[in-house]
Amino acid sequence: MPKSARLKLNLKAVSARERAGAIKGLNIALLHLLGESQKLVPLEESILSDSGTPSVDEGGLRGAVSYDTPY
């Protein structure tokens, strides 16, 4: 006896969750990069190290780690 199945696929929801996952993954990667870069930052007074910040461009799925204190 043949059996059948129906699949209802909501591509908008899949696409939205895929993008949210990519943004979350990018944030995790940038936090890791920040931690690794802080191993190389000079530690005279830790002011420079404390100014490290990850930033994400969610529209372009790009990110950067920057330090906002003159050294």
C-alpha atoms as a PDB file:
ATOM      1  CA  MET A   1       0.000   0.000   0.000  1.00  0.00           C
ATOM      2  CA  PRO A   2       1.662   3.340  -1.073  1.00  0.00           C
ATOM      3  CA  LYS A   3       2.013   6.057   1.530  1.00  0.00           C
ATOM      4  CA  SER A   4       2.241   9.762   0.957  1.00  0.00           C
ATOM      5  CA  ALA A   5       3.484  12.704   2.937  1.00  0.00           C
ATOM      6  CA  ARG A   6       3.076  16.446   2.643  1.00  0.00           C
ATOM      7  CA  LEU A   7       5.711  18.996   3.437  1.00  0.00           C
ATOM      8  CA  LYS A   8       4.829  22.601   4.100  1.00  0.00           C
ATOM      9  CA  LEU A   9       7.989  24.685   3.863  1.00  0.00           C
ATOM     10  CA  ASN A  10       7.990  28.308   5.033  1.00  0.00           C
ATOM     11  CA  LEU A  11      11.001  29.719   3.169  1.00  0.00           C
ATOM     12  CA  LYS A  12      10.672  33.186   4.726  1.00  0.00           C
ATOM     13  CA  ALA A  13      11.015  31.722   8.218  1.00  0.00           C
ATOM     14  CA  VAL A  14      13.937  29.541   7.144  1.00  0.00           C
ATOM     15  CA  SER A  15      15.710  32.508   5.567  1.00  0.00           C
ATOM     16  CA  ALA A  16      15.137  34.707   8.631  1.00  0.00           C
ATOM     17  CA  ARG A  17      16.480  32.046  11.002  1.00  0.00           C
ATOM     18  CA  GLU A  18      19.451  31.424   8.727  1.00  0.00           C
ATOM     19  CA  ARG A  19      20.338  35.134   8.801  1.00  0.00           C
ATOM     20  CA  ALA A  20      19.880  35.320  12.581  1.00  0.00           C
ATOM     21  CA  GLY A  21      22.219  32.350  12.950  1.00  0.00           C
ATOM     22  CA  ALA A  22      24.826  33.994  10.724  1.00  0.00           C
ATOM     23  CA  ILE A  23      24.684  37.189  12.808  1.00  0.00           C
ATOM     24  CA  LYS A  24      24.978  35.217  16.037  1.00  0.00           C
ATOM     25  CA  GLY A  25      27.936  33.252  14.647  1.00  0.00           C
ATOM     26  CA  LEU A  26      29.632  36.462  13.540  1.00  0.00           C
ATOM     27  CA  ASN A  27      29.236  37.916  17.038  1.00  0.00           C
ATOM     28  CA  ILE A  28      30.752  34.788  18.593  1.00  0.00           C
ATOM     29  CA  ALA A  29      33.662  34.871  16.132  1.00  0.00           C
ATOM     30  CA  LEU A  30      34.339  38.548  16.867  1.00  0.00           C
ATOM     31  CA  LEU A  31      34.337  37.948  20.616  1.00  0.00           C
ATOM     32  CA  HIS A  32      36.891  35.187  20.068  1.00  0.00           C
ATOM     33  CA  LEU A  33      38.972  37.494  17.862  1.00  0.00           C
ATOM     34  CA  LEU A  34      38.812  40.195  20.548  1.00  0.00           C
ATOM     35  CA  GLY A  35      40.074  37.719  23.138  1.00  0.00           C
ATOM     36  CA  GLU A  36      42.937  36.602  20.904  1.00  0.00           C
ATOM     37  CA  SER A  37      43.894  40.172  19.973  1.00  0.00           C
ATOM     38  CA  GLN A  38      44.004  41.188  23.631  1.00  0.00           C
ATOM     39  CA  LYS A  39      46.804  38.680  24.135  1.00  0.00           C
ATOM     40  CA  LEU A  40      48.936  40.925  21.888  1.00  0.00           C
ATOM     41  CA  VAL A  41      47.926  44.341  23.279  1.00  0.00           C
ATOM     42  CA  PRO A  42      50.620  46.113  25.341  1.00  0.00           C
ATOM     43  CA  LEU A  43      49.679  46.057  29.032  1.00  0.00           C
ATOM     44  CA  GLU A  44      51.336  49.116  30.574  1.00  0.00           C
ATOM     45  CA  GLU A  45      48.132  50.431  32.145  1.00  0.00           C
ATOM     46  CA  SER A  46      45.464  48.203  30.517  1.00  0.00           C
ATOM     47  CA  ILE A  47      43.641  51.278  29.168  1.00  0.00           C
ATOM     48  CA  LEU A  48      44.163  50.136  25.589  1.00  0.00           C
ATOM     49  CA  SER A  49      43.093  46.581  26.358  1.00  0.00           C
ATOM     50  CA  ASP A  50      39.896  47.803  28.040  1.00  0.00           C
ATOM     51  CA  SER A  51      38.898  49.806  24.964  1.00  0.00           C
ATOM     52  CA  GLY A  52      38.660  46.785  22.632  1.00  0.00           C
ATOM     53  CA  THR A  53      35.226  46.417  21.050  1.00  0.00           C
ATOM     54  CA  PRO A  54      33.706  44.071  18.484  1.00  0.00           C
ATOM     55  CA  SER A  55      31.243  45.659  16.064  1.00  0.00           C
ATOM     56  CA  VAL A  56      28.928  43.977  13.558  1.00  0.00           C
ATOM     57  CA  ASP A  57      27.357  45.311  10.368  1.00  0.00           C
ATOM     58  CA  GLU A  58      24.276  43.104  10.325  1.00  0.00           C
ATOM     59  CA  GLY A  59      23.203  44.322   6.887  1.00  0.00           C
ATOM     60  CA  GLY A  60      26.439  43.309   5.218  1.00  0.00           C
ATOM     61  CA  LEU A  61      27.327  40.464   7.601  1.00  0.00           C
ATOM     62  CA  ARG A  62      30.710  42.017   8.304  1.00  0.00           C
ATOM     63  CA  GLY A  63      32.477  42.736  11.535  1.00  0.00           C
ATOM     64  CA  ALA A  64      35.581  44.225  13.049  1.00  0.00           C
ATOM     65  CA  VAL A  65      37.461  44.443  16.314  1.00  0.00           C
ATOM     66  CA  SER A  66      38.768  47.897  17.145  1.00  0.00           C
ATOM     67  CA  TYR A  67      40.583  49.661  19.962  1.00  0.00           C
ATOM     68  CA  ASP A  68      39.473  53.200  20.746  1.00  0.00           C
ATOM     69  CA  THR A  69      42.322  54.604  22.826  1.00  0.00           C
ATOM     70  CA  PRO A  70      45.543  56.217  21.612  1.00  0.00           C
ATOM     71  CA  TYR A  71      48.651  54.318  22.553  1.00  0.00           C
END
